[in-house]
Amino acid sequence: MDQTEKISEADPRQEPFVVDTSLLTDDQLEGLVQEYCTRYHGLNDQESPLQEQDRVMSAVRRGDLVVWFDPVENTAGLGRPPSP
């Protein structure tokens, strides 16, 4: 058995993946946008990080931000789309 056979490949079912936003309810998507705003914009010493919601939602609609789901952690969040 050579060295490459000893290295196990990661289980693809455990890799985070992009979720099509059409599969989410408006409430779910709004919750992800609010979480993104408070987590990232709230750290920038903004008085009201939720004022960024419209801008973030527009970025999601354009595809500049996507919904990632992590099956290991069972969590979802917004992030940059995967590189082509």
C-alpha atoms as a PDB file:
ATOM      1  CA  MET A   1       0.000   0.000   0.000  1.00  0.00           C
ATOM      2  CA  ASP A   2       1.513   3.341  -0.995  1.00  0.00           C
ATOM      3  CA  GLN A   3       1.230   6.633   0.908  1.00  0.00           C
ATOM      4  CA  THR A   4      -1.639   8.003  -1.210  1.00  0.00           C
ATOM      5  CA  GLU A   5      -3.858   5.085  -0.288  1.00  0.00           C
ATOM      6  CA  LYS A   6      -3.442   5.856   3.423  1.00  0.00           C
ATOM      7  CA  ILE A   7      -4.745   9.406   3.073  1.00  0.00           C
ATOM      8  CA  SER A   8      -8.505   9.318   3.215  1.00  0.00           C
ATOM      9  CA  GLU A   9     -10.416  11.810   1.164  1.00  0.00           C
ATOM     10  CA  ALA A  10     -12.844  14.157   2.891  1.00  0.00           C
ATOM     11  CA  ASP A  11     -16.453  13.055   2.808  1.00  0.00           C
ATOM     12  CA  PRO A  12     -18.175  15.404   0.320  1.00  0.00           C
ATOM     13  CA  ARG A  13     -21.367  15.161   2.391  1.00  0.00           C
ATOM     14  CA  GLN A  14     -19.539  17.057   5.135  1.00  0.00           C
ATOM     15  CA  GLU A  15     -18.447  19.952   2.925  1.00  0.00           C
ATOM     16  CA  PRO A  16     -20.300  23.282   3.085  1.00  0.00           C
ATOM     17  CA  PHE A  17     -22.410  23.994   0.009  1.00  0.00           C
ATOM     18  CA  VAL A  18     -24.341  26.880  -1.529  1.00  0.00           C
ATOM     19  CA  VAL A  19     -28.119  26.849  -1.087  1.00  0.00           C
ATOM     20  CA  ASP A  20     -30.318  28.292  -3.829  1.00  0.00           C
ATOM     21  CA  THR A  21     -32.105  31.244  -2.227  1.00  0.00           C
ATOM     22  CA  SER A  22     -35.340  30.289  -4.018  1.00  0.00           C
ATOM     23  CA  LEU A  23     -35.524  27.325  -1.615  1.00  0.00           C
ATOM     24  CA  LEU A  24     -35.675  29.649   1.412  1.00  0.00           C
ATOM     25  CA  THR A  25     -38.632  31.568   2.766  1.00  0.00           C
ATOM     26  CA  ASP A  26     -38.468  35.352   2.925  1.00  0.00           C
ATOM     27  CA  ASP A  27     -38.269  35.113   6.734  1.00  0.00           C
ATOM     28  CA  GLN A  28     -35.311  32.724   6.562  1.00  0.00           C
ATOM     29  CA  LEU A  29     -33.466  34.938   4.117  1.00  0.00           C
ATOM     30  CA  GLU A  30     -34.199  38.066   6.166  1.00  0.00           C
ATOM     31  CA  GLY A  31     -32.871  36.299   9.265  1.00  0.00           C
ATOM     32  CA  LEU A  32     -29.632  35.445   7.487  1.00  0.00           C
ATOM     33  CA  VAL A  33     -29.297  39.040   6.283  1.00  0.00           C
ATOM     34  CA  GLN A  34     -29.892  40.377   9.814  1.00  0.00           C
ATOM     35  CA  GLU A  35     -27.341  37.957  11.244  1.00  0.00           C
ATOM     36  CA  TYR A  36     -24.810  39.009   8.600  1.00  0.00           C
ATOM     37  CA  CYS A  37     -25.412  42.699   9.314  1.00  0.00           C
ATOM     38  CA  THR A  38     -25.070  42.382  13.068  1.00  0.00           C
ATOM     39  CA  ARG A  39     -22.061  40.099  12.871  1.00  0.00           C
ATOM     40  CA  TYR A  40     -20.017  41.908  10.235  1.00  0.00           C
ATOM     41  CA  HIS A  41     -21.307  45.467  10.159  1.00  0.00           C
ATOM     42  CA  GLY A  42     -21.852  45.586  13.924  1.00  0.00           C
ATOM     43  CA  LEU A  43     -18.137  45.011  14.406  1.00  0.00           C
ATOM     44  CA  ASN A  44     -17.396  48.167  12.412  1.00  0.00           C
ATOM     45  CA  ASP A  45     -18.635  50.438  15.238  1.00  0.00           C
ATOM     46  CA  GLN A  46     -21.752  51.374  13.305  1.00  0.00           C
ATOM     47  CA  GLU A  47     -24.486  52.837  15.440  1.00  0.00           C
ATOM     48  CA  SER A  48     -27.171  50.842  13.637  1.00  0.00           C
ATOM     49  CA  PRO A  49     -25.759  47.880  11.703  1.00  0.00           C
ATOM     50  CA  LEU A  50     -29.252  46.812  10.606  1.00  0.00           C
ATOM     51  CA  GLN A  51     -29.419  49.879   8.341  1.00  0.00           C
ATOM     52  CA  GLU A  52     -27.302  47.787   5.963  1.00  0.00           C
ATOM     53  CA  GLN A  53     -30.068  45.203   5.454  1.00  0.00           C
ATOM     54  CA  ASP A  54     -31.311  46.553   2.118  1.00  0.00           C
ATOM     55  CA  ARG A  55     -27.788  46.727   0.722  1.00  0.00           C
ATOM     56  CA  VAL A  56     -26.975  43.184   1.899  1.00  0.00           C
ATOM     57  CA  MET A  57     -30.263  41.797   0.558  1.00  0.00           C
ATOM     58  CA  SER A  58     -29.511  43.425  -2.804  1.00  0.00           C
ATOM     59  CA  ALA A  59     -26.093  41.725  -2.792  1.00  0.00           C
ATOM     60  CA  VAL A  60     -27.811  38.380  -2.162  1.00  0.00           C
ATOM     61  CA  ARG A  61     -30.286  38.979  -4.993  1.00  0.00           C
ATOM     62  CA  ARG A  62     -27.414  39.867  -7.370  1.00  0.00           C
ATOM     63  CA  GLY A  63     -25.389  36.813  -6.312  1.00  0.00           C
ATOM     64  CA  ASP A  64     -22.568  38.857  -4.752  1.00  0.00           C
ATOM     65  CA  LEU A  65     -23.369  37.038  -1.496  1.00  0.00           C
ATOM     66  CA  VAL A  66     -24.694  33.481  -1.317  1.00  0.00           C
ATOM     67  CA  VAL A  67     -26.158  31.262   1.376  1.00  0.00           C
ATOM     68  CA  TRP A  68     -23.717  28.624   2.593  1.00  0.00           C
ATOM     69  CA  PHE A  69     -24.880  25.606   4.599  1.00  0.00           C
ATOM     70  CA  ASP A  70     -22.452  23.637   6.760  1.00  0.00           C
ATOM     71  CA  PRO A  71     -23.864  20.121   7.286  1.00  0.00           C
ATOM     72  CA  VAL A  72     -21.358  19.293  10.029  1.00  0.00           C
ATOM     73  CA  GLU A  73     -22.237  22.343  12.134  1.00  0.00           C
ATOM     74  CA  ASN A  74     -25.855  22.396  10.867  1.00  0.00           C
ATOM     75  CA  THR A  75     -25.586  26.155  10.318  1.00  0.00           C
ATOM     76  CA  ALA A  76     -26.194  28.553   7.461  1.00  0.00           C
ATOM     77  CA  GLY A  77     -24.800  31.979   6.755  1.00  0.00           C
ATOM     78  CA  LEU A  78     -24.029  34.449   4.015  1.00  0.00           C
ATOM     79  CA  GLY A  79     -20.663  34.554   2.324  1.00  0.00           C
ATOM     80  CA  ARG A  80     -18.854  35.081  -0.940  1.00  0.00           C
ATOM     81  CA  PRO A  81     -19.798  32.787  -3.823  1.00  0.00           C
ATOM     82  CA  PRO A  82     -17.398  29.964  -4.693  1.00  0.00           C
ATOM     83  CA  SER A  83     -14.632  30.753  -7.139  1.00  0.00           C
ATOM     84  CA  PRO A  84     -15.374  29.574 -10.693  1.00  0.00           C
END
